[in-house]
Amino acid sequence: MRRILVTALAALLATPAAAAGPNGGQTATADGHPIEFVGSATGVTFFLSDEDGTPLSTEGLSAKAYIQAGGKTETLILKPAAPNRLVADLKAPLPAGAKVVLSAKLHGHNLQARFAP
């Protein structure tokens, strides 16, 4: 029993924590592009960067966000905002335990990233 507890504790401590991005949000990498998710009570914002970390223009980018919570999925159409943001308004604040999935088409290839705020 003791060995199981020690093993479980070691595994928990070895699990990497989600790094906070420069805007205080969760980060993920999709196809080499760093993406940061920042949610608020009124909306969602995704910050996109190039492989080297420089802001990536979102002009002309088509993207959606899927909010999954309580067995339901809400689809948000994201709008480009200068210089490197994708934004959408929320009907209600993100519920506890929600999962957020970004799906975007960038220069002919698809980007997908998952976040758990």
N, C-alpha and C. Protein backbone atom coordinates (compact mmCIF):
# COMPACT_ATOMS: atom_id res chain seq x y z
N MET A 1 0.82 -1.18 0.00
CA MET A 1 0.00 0.00 0.00
C MET A 1 0.88 1.25 0.00
N ARG A 2 1.90 1.22 0.83
CA ARG A 2 2.80 2.36 0.94
C ARG A 2 3.52 2.59 -0.39
N ARG A 3 3.92 1.50 -1.03
CA ARG A 3 4.62 1.60 -2.32
C ARG A 3 3.72 2.24 -3.37
N ILE A 4 2.44 1.90 -3.36
CA ILE A 4 1.48 2.49 -4.31
C ILE A 4 1.35 3.99 -4.07
N LEU A 5 1.26 4.39 -2.82
CA LEU A 5 1.16 5.82 -2.50
C LEU A 5 2.40 6.58 -2.95
N VAL A 6 3.56 6.03 -2.68
CA VAL A 6 4.81 6.68 -3.09
C VAL A 6 4.89 6.78 -4.60
N THR A 7 4.51 5.72 -5.31
CA THR A 7 4.53 5.74 -6.77
C THR A 7 3.55 6.76 -7.31
N ALA A 8 2.35 6.81 -6.74
CA ALA A 8 1.34 7.78 -7.20
C ALA A 8 1.81 9.21 -6.94
N LEU A 9 2.39 9.46 -5.79
CA LEU A 9 2.90 10.80 -5.47
C LEU A 9 4.03 11.19 -6.41
N ALA A 10 4.92 10.28 -6.71
CA ALA A 10 6.02 10.57 -7.64
C ALA A 10 5.48 10.88 -9.03
N ALA A 11 4.49 10.14 -9.47
CA ALA A 11 3.90 10.40 -10.79
C ALA A 11 3.21 11.75 -10.83
N LEU A 12 2.54 12.11 -9.75
CA LEU A 12 1.86 13.40 -9.68
C LEU A 12 2.86 14.55 -9.72
N LEU A 13 3.93 14.41 -8.99
CA LEU A 13 4.95 15.47 -8.97
C LEU A 13 5.69 15.57 -10.29
N ALA A 14 5.76 14.49 -11.04
CA ALA A 14 6.48 14.50 -12.31
C ALA A 14 5.63 15.03 -13.46
N THR A 15 4.30 15.18 -13.24
CA THR A 15 3.41 15.68 -14.29
C THR A 15 3.67 17.16 -14.50
N PRO A 16 3.99 17.58 -15.74
CA PRO A 16 4.26 18.98 -15.97
C PRO A 16 3.00 19.82 -15.84
N ALA A 17 3.14 21.00 -15.26
CA ALA A 17 2.02 21.93 -15.14
C ALA A 17 1.91 22.71 -16.44
N ALA A 18 0.70 23.16 -16.75
CA ALA A 18 0.50 23.98 -17.94
C ALA A 18 1.19 25.32 -17.74
N ALA A 19 2.04 25.67 -18.67
CA ALA A 19 2.78 26.92 -18.57
C ALA A 19 1.86 28.08 -18.89
N ALA A 20 2.04 29.17 -18.16
CA ALA A 20 1.27 30.38 -18.43
C ALA A 20 1.96 31.16 -19.55
N GLY A 21 1.17 31.65 -20.48
CA GLY A 21 1.71 32.42 -21.60
C GLY A 21 1.94 33.86 -21.22
N PRO A 22 2.44 34.67 -22.15
CA PRO A 22 2.74 36.07 -21.87
C PRO A 22 1.52 36.91 -21.51
N ASN A 23 0.33 36.42 -21.84
CA ASN A 23 -0.90 37.14 -21.51
C ASN A 23 -1.63 36.51 -20.33
N GLY A 24 -0.96 35.57 -19.66
CA GLY A 24 -1.51 34.94 -18.47
C GLY A 24 -2.41 33.75 -18.73
N GLY A 25 -2.50 33.31 -19.98
CA GLY A 25 -3.37 32.19 -20.32
C GLY A 25 -2.65 30.87 -20.45
N GLN A 26 -3.42 29.84 -20.76
CA GLN A 26 -2.86 28.51 -20.99
C GLN A 26 -2.24 28.45 -22.37
N THR A 27 -1.19 27.68 -22.51
CA THR A 27 -0.51 27.56 -23.79
C THR A 27 -0.56 26.13 -24.31
N ALA A 28 -0.54 26.03 -25.63
CA ALA A 28 -0.46 24.74 -26.31
C ALA A 28 0.29 25.00 -27.61
N THR A 29 0.76 23.93 -28.23
CA THR A 29 1.44 24.05 -29.52
C THR A 29 0.69 23.21 -30.53
N ALA A 30 0.39 23.83 -31.68
CA ALA A 30 -0.30 23.12 -32.75
C ALA A 30 0.50 23.29 -34.03
N ASP A 31 0.98 22.19 -34.57
CA ASP A 31 1.76 22.20 -35.80
C ASP A 31 2.95 23.18 -35.70
N GLY A 32 3.58 23.21 -34.52
CA GLY A 32 4.74 24.06 -34.29
C GLY A 32 4.41 25.49 -33.91
N HIS A 33 3.13 25.87 -33.90
CA HIS A 33 2.73 27.24 -33.58
C HIS A 33 2.27 27.33 -32.12
N PRO A 34 2.94 28.16 -31.31
CA PRO A 34 2.45 28.37 -29.94
C PRO A 34 1.12 29.12 -29.98
N ILE A 35 0.16 28.63 -29.19
CA ILE A 35 -1.16 29.25 -29.10
C ILE A 35 -1.46 29.44 -27.62
N GLU A 36 -1.95 30.62 -27.28
CA GLU A 36 -2.31 30.92 -25.90
C GLU A 36 -3.81 31.18 -25.84
N PHE A 37 -4.47 30.58 -24.85
CA PHE A 37 -5.91 30.77 -24.64
C PHE A 37 -6.12 31.60 -23.39
N VAL A 38 -6.91 32.67 -23.52
CA VAL A 38 -7.30 33.49 -22.38
C VAL A 38 -8.82 33.60 -22.40
N GLY A 39 -9.46 33.13 -21.35
CA GLY A 39 -10.90 33.22 -21.23
C GLY A 39 -11.28 34.24 -20.17
N SER A 40 -12.39 34.91 -20.39
CA SER A 40 -12.92 35.84 -19.40
C SER A 40 -14.40 35.55 -19.23
N ALA A 41 -15.07 36.31 -18.40
CA ALA A 41 -16.50 36.10 -18.18
C ALA A 41 -17.32 36.44 -19.41
N THR A 42 -16.74 37.25 -20.31
CA THR A 42 -17.52 37.72 -21.47
C THR A 42 -17.01 37.23 -22.81
N GLY A 43 -15.82 36.60 -22.85
CA GLY A 43 -15.32 36.18 -24.15
C GLY A 43 -14.09 35.30 -24.07
N VAL A 44 -13.65 34.86 -25.24
CA VAL A 44 -12.43 34.05 -25.35
C VAL A 44 -11.49 34.73 -26.34
N THR A 45 -10.21 34.59 -26.07
CA THR A 45 -9.17 35.15 -26.94
C THR A 45 -8.08 34.11 -27.11
N PHE A 46 -7.65 33.92 -28.35
CA PHE A 46 -6.52 33.06 -28.66
C PHE A 46 -5.43 33.94 -29.26
N PHE A 47 -4.21 33.80 -28.78
CA PHE A 47 -3.06 34.52 -29.32
C PHE A 47 -2.22 33.51 -30.10
N LEU A 48 -1.95 33.79 -31.36
CA LEU A 48 -1.18 32.88 -32.21
C LEU A 48 0.21 33.44 -32.44
N SER A 49 1.19 32.55 -32.46
CA SER A 49 2.57 32.93 -32.71
C SER A 49 3.17 32.01 -33.77
N ASP A 50 4.22 32.51 -34.41
CA ASP A 50 4.95 31.70 -35.37
C ASP A 50 5.86 30.75 -34.60
N GLU A 51 6.51 29.85 -35.31
CA GLU A 51 7.37 28.86 -34.67
C GLU A 51 8.45 29.50 -33.79
N ASP A 52 8.90 30.70 -34.17
CA ASP A 52 9.96 31.36 -33.39
C ASP A 52 9.41 32.26 -32.29
N GLY A 53 8.09 32.28 -32.10
CA GLY A 53 7.48 33.05 -31.03
C GLY A 53 7.01 34.44 -31.43
N THR A 54 7.29 34.87 -32.66
CA THR A 54 6.82 36.19 -33.09
C THR A 54 5.31 36.13 -33.36
N PRO A 55 4.60 37.23 -33.09
CA PRO A 55 3.16 37.24 -33.33
C PRO A 55 2.83 36.88 -34.78
N LEU A 56 1.82 36.04 -34.95
CA LEU A 56 1.41 35.57 -36.26
C LEU A 56 0.10 36.27 -36.64
N SER A 57 0.09 36.96 -37.76
CA SER A 57 -1.10 37.67 -38.20
C SER A 57 -2.26 36.70 -38.38
N THR A 58 -3.43 37.11 -37.89
CA THR A 58 -4.62 36.28 -38.03
C THR A 58 -5.54 36.79 -39.15
N GLU A 59 -5.08 37.78 -39.89
CA GLU A 59 -5.88 38.34 -40.98
C GLU A 59 -6.23 37.24 -41.99
N GLY A 60 -7.51 37.13 -42.32
CA GLY A 60 -7.95 36.14 -43.29
C GLY A 60 -8.03 34.72 -42.78
N LEU A 61 -7.76 34.52 -41.51
CA LEU A 61 -7.78 33.18 -40.91
C LEU A 61 -9.21 32.78 -40.58
N SER A 62 -9.60 31.56 -40.89
CA SER A 62 -10.92 31.07 -40.47
C SER A 62 -10.72 30.13 -39.29
N ALA A 63 -11.52 30.35 -38.24
CA ALA A 63 -11.33 29.55 -37.04
C ALA A 63 -12.63 29.45 -36.24
N LYS A 64 -12.73 28.35 -35.50
CA LYS A 64 -13.85 28.12 -34.59
C LYS A 64 -13.29 27.64 -33.26
N ALA A 65 -14.05 27.90 -32.22
CA ALA A 65 -13.74 27.35 -30.90
C ALA A 65 -14.95 26.53 -30.47
N TYR A 66 -14.68 25.40 -29.87
CA TYR A 66 -15.73 24.52 -29.37
C TYR A 66 -15.60 24.47 -27.86
N ILE A 67 -16.68 24.84 -27.17
CA ILE A 67 -16.70 24.81 -25.72
C ILE A 67 -17.49 23.56 -25.33
N GLN A 68 -16.85 22.63 -24.64
CA GLN A 68 -17.48 21.38 -24.23
C GLN A 68 -17.65 21.39 -22.72
N ALA A 69 -18.91 21.31 -22.27
CA ALA A 69 -19.17 21.30 -20.83
C ALA A 69 -20.54 20.69 -20.57
N GLY A 70 -20.63 19.91 -19.53
CA GLY A 70 -21.91 19.34 -19.13
C GLY A 70 -22.60 18.52 -20.20
N GLY A 71 -21.83 17.84 -21.04
CA GLY A 71 -22.39 17.02 -22.10
C GLY A 71 -22.90 17.80 -23.30
N LYS A 72 -22.66 19.10 -23.32
CA LYS A 72 -23.08 19.94 -24.44
C LYS A 72 -21.87 20.58 -25.09
N THR A 73 -22.01 20.93 -26.37
CA THR A 73 -20.94 21.61 -27.10
C THR A 73 -21.50 22.88 -27.72
N GLU A 74 -20.81 23.98 -27.47
CA GLU A 74 -21.17 25.27 -28.08
C GLU A 74 -20.08 25.62 -29.09
N THR A 75 -20.49 26.06 -30.27
CA THR A 75 -19.54 26.44 -31.31
C THR A 75 -19.48 27.96 -31.41
N LEU A 76 -18.27 28.49 -31.38
CA LEU A 76 -18.05 29.93 -31.52
C LEU A 76 -17.28 30.20 -32.80
N ILE A 77 -17.73 31.14 -33.59
CA ILE A 77 -17.00 31.58 -34.77
C ILE A 77 -16.03 32.66 -34.29
N LEU A 78 -14.74 32.42 -34.49
CA LEU A 78 -13.72 33.36 -34.04
C LEU A 78 -13.46 34.40 -35.12
N LYS A 79 -13.23 35.64 -34.67
CA LYS A 79 -12.94 36.74 -35.58
C LYS A 79 -11.50 37.17 -35.38
N PRO A 80 -10.78 37.42 -36.48
CA PRO A 80 -9.41 37.93 -36.37
C PRO A 80 -9.40 39.34 -35.75
N ALA A 81 -8.41 39.59 -34.92
CA ALA A 81 -8.21 40.90 -34.31
C ALA A 81 -6.71 41.16 -34.29
N ALA A 82 -6.31 42.36 -34.67
CA ALA A 82 -4.88 42.70 -34.75
C ALA A 82 -4.24 42.61 -33.37
N PRO A 83 -2.97 42.30 -33.25
CA PRO A 83 -2.13 41.86 -34.35
C PRO A 83 -2.16 40.34 -34.56
N ASN A 84 -2.41 39.58 -33.48
CA ASN A 84 -2.32 38.11 -33.60
C ASN A 84 -3.39 37.39 -32.80
N ARG A 85 -4.57 38.00 -32.72
CA ARG A 85 -5.62 37.43 -31.87
C ARG A 85 -6.79 36.89 -32.68
N LEU A 86 -7.46 35.91 -32.10
CA LEU A 86 -8.76 35.42 -32.56
C LEU A 86 -9.69 35.58 -31.37
N VAL A 87 -10.86 36.20 -31.58
CA VAL A 87 -11.73 36.53 -30.46
C VAL A 87 -13.17 36.14 -30.73
N ALA A 88 -13.92 35.89 -29.65
CA ALA A 88 -15.36 35.63 -29.73
C ALA A 88 -15.98 35.98 -28.39
N ASP A 89 -17.22 36.41 -28.44
CA ASP A 89 -17.98 36.69 -27.22
C ASP A 89 -18.64 35.42 -26.72
N LEU A 90 -18.83 35.36 -25.41
CA LEU A 90 -19.52 34.23 -24.77
C LEU A 90 -20.93 34.66 -24.36
N LYS A 91 -21.87 33.74 -24.43
CA LYS A 91 -23.23 34.00 -23.96
C LYS A 91 -23.27 33.97 -22.43
N ALA A 92 -22.39 33.17 -21.84
CA ALA A 92 -22.30 33.01 -20.39
C ALA A 92 -20.85 32.67 -20.06
N PRO A 93 -20.42 32.92 -18.82
CA PRO A 93 -19.05 32.55 -18.45
C PRO A 93 -18.78 31.07 -18.66
N LEU A 94 -17.51 30.71 -18.89
CA LEU A 94 -17.13 29.31 -19.05
C LEU A 94 -17.45 28.55 -17.77
N PRO A 95 -18.16 27.43 -17.87
CA PRO A 95 -18.46 26.65 -16.67
C PRO A 95 -17.22 25.92 -16.16
N ALA A 96 -17.25 25.59 -14.88
CA ALA A 96 -16.16 24.82 -14.29
C ALA A 96 -16.03 23.50 -15.02
N GLY A 97 -14.82 23.09 -15.30
CA GLY A 97 -14.57 21.81 -15.96
C GLY A 97 -14.72 21.84 -17.47
N ALA A 98 -14.96 23.03 -18.03
CA ALA A 98 -15.13 23.14 -19.49
C ALA A 98 -13.83 22.82 -20.21
N LYS A 99 -13.98 22.28 -21.39
CA LYS A 99 -12.85 22.05 -22.30
C LYS A 99 -13.05 22.97 -23.49
N VAL A 100 -11.96 23.55 -23.98
CA VAL A 100 -12.01 24.47 -25.11
C VAL A 100 -11.12 23.92 -26.20
N VAL A 101 -11.66 23.80 -27.41
CA VAL A 101 -10.91 23.28 -28.55
C VAL A 101 -10.88 24.36 -29.62
N LEU A 102 -9.69 24.69 -30.09
CA LEU A 102 -9.51 25.62 -31.19
C LEU A 102 -9.29 24.83 -32.47
N SER A 103 -10.00 25.19 -33.51
CA SER A 103 -9.81 24.58 -34.82
C SER A 103 -9.68 25.72 -35.83
N ALA A 104 -8.53 25.78 -36.52
CA ALA A 104 -8.28 26.88 -37.45
C ALA A 104 -7.58 26.36 -38.70
N LYS A 105 -7.76 27.09 -39.78
CA LYS A 105 -7.09 26.77 -41.03
C LYS A 105 -6.10 27.90 -41.29
N LEU A 106 -4.82 27.57 -41.37
CA LEU A 106 -3.76 28.55 -41.52
C LEU A 106 -2.87 28.17 -42.69
N HIS A 107 -2.86 29.01 -43.72
CA HIS A 107 -1.99 28.81 -44.89
C HIS A 107 -2.06 27.38 -45.43
N GLY A 108 -3.28 26.86 -45.53
CA GLY A 108 -3.46 25.54 -46.13
C GLY A 108 -3.32 24.36 -45.20
N HIS A 109 -2.99 24.59 -43.94
CA HIS A 109 -2.95 23.45 -43.02
C HIS A 109 -3.82 23.73 -41.80
N ASN A 110 -4.26 22.66 -41.16
CA ASN A 110 -5.17 22.77 -40.02
C ASN A 110 -4.41 22.84 -38.71
N LEU A 111 -4.91 23.68 -37.81
CA LEU A 111 -4.38 23.77 -36.46
C LEU A 111 -5.47 23.36 -35.50
N GLN A 112 -5.13 22.54 -34.52
CA GLN A 112 -6.06 22.19 -33.47
C GLN A 112 -5.32 22.19 -32.15
N ALA A 113 -5.97 22.78 -31.15
CA ALA A 113 -5.37 22.83 -29.82
C ALA A 113 -6.49 22.68 -28.79
N ARG A 114 -6.17 22.00 -27.70
CA ARG A 114 -7.13 21.78 -26.61
C ARG A 114 -6.66 22.49 -25.36
N PHE A 115 -7.64 23.04 -24.64
CA PHE A 115 -7.35 23.74 -23.39
C PHE A 115 -8.38 23.32 -22.35
N ALA A 116 -7.97 23.33 -21.08
CA ALA A 116 -8.87 23.01 -19.97
C ALA A 116 -8.74 24.12 -18.92
N PRO A 117 -9.50 25.21 -19.12
CA PRO A 117 -9.37 26.35 -18.19
C PRO A 117 -9.85 26.06 -16.80
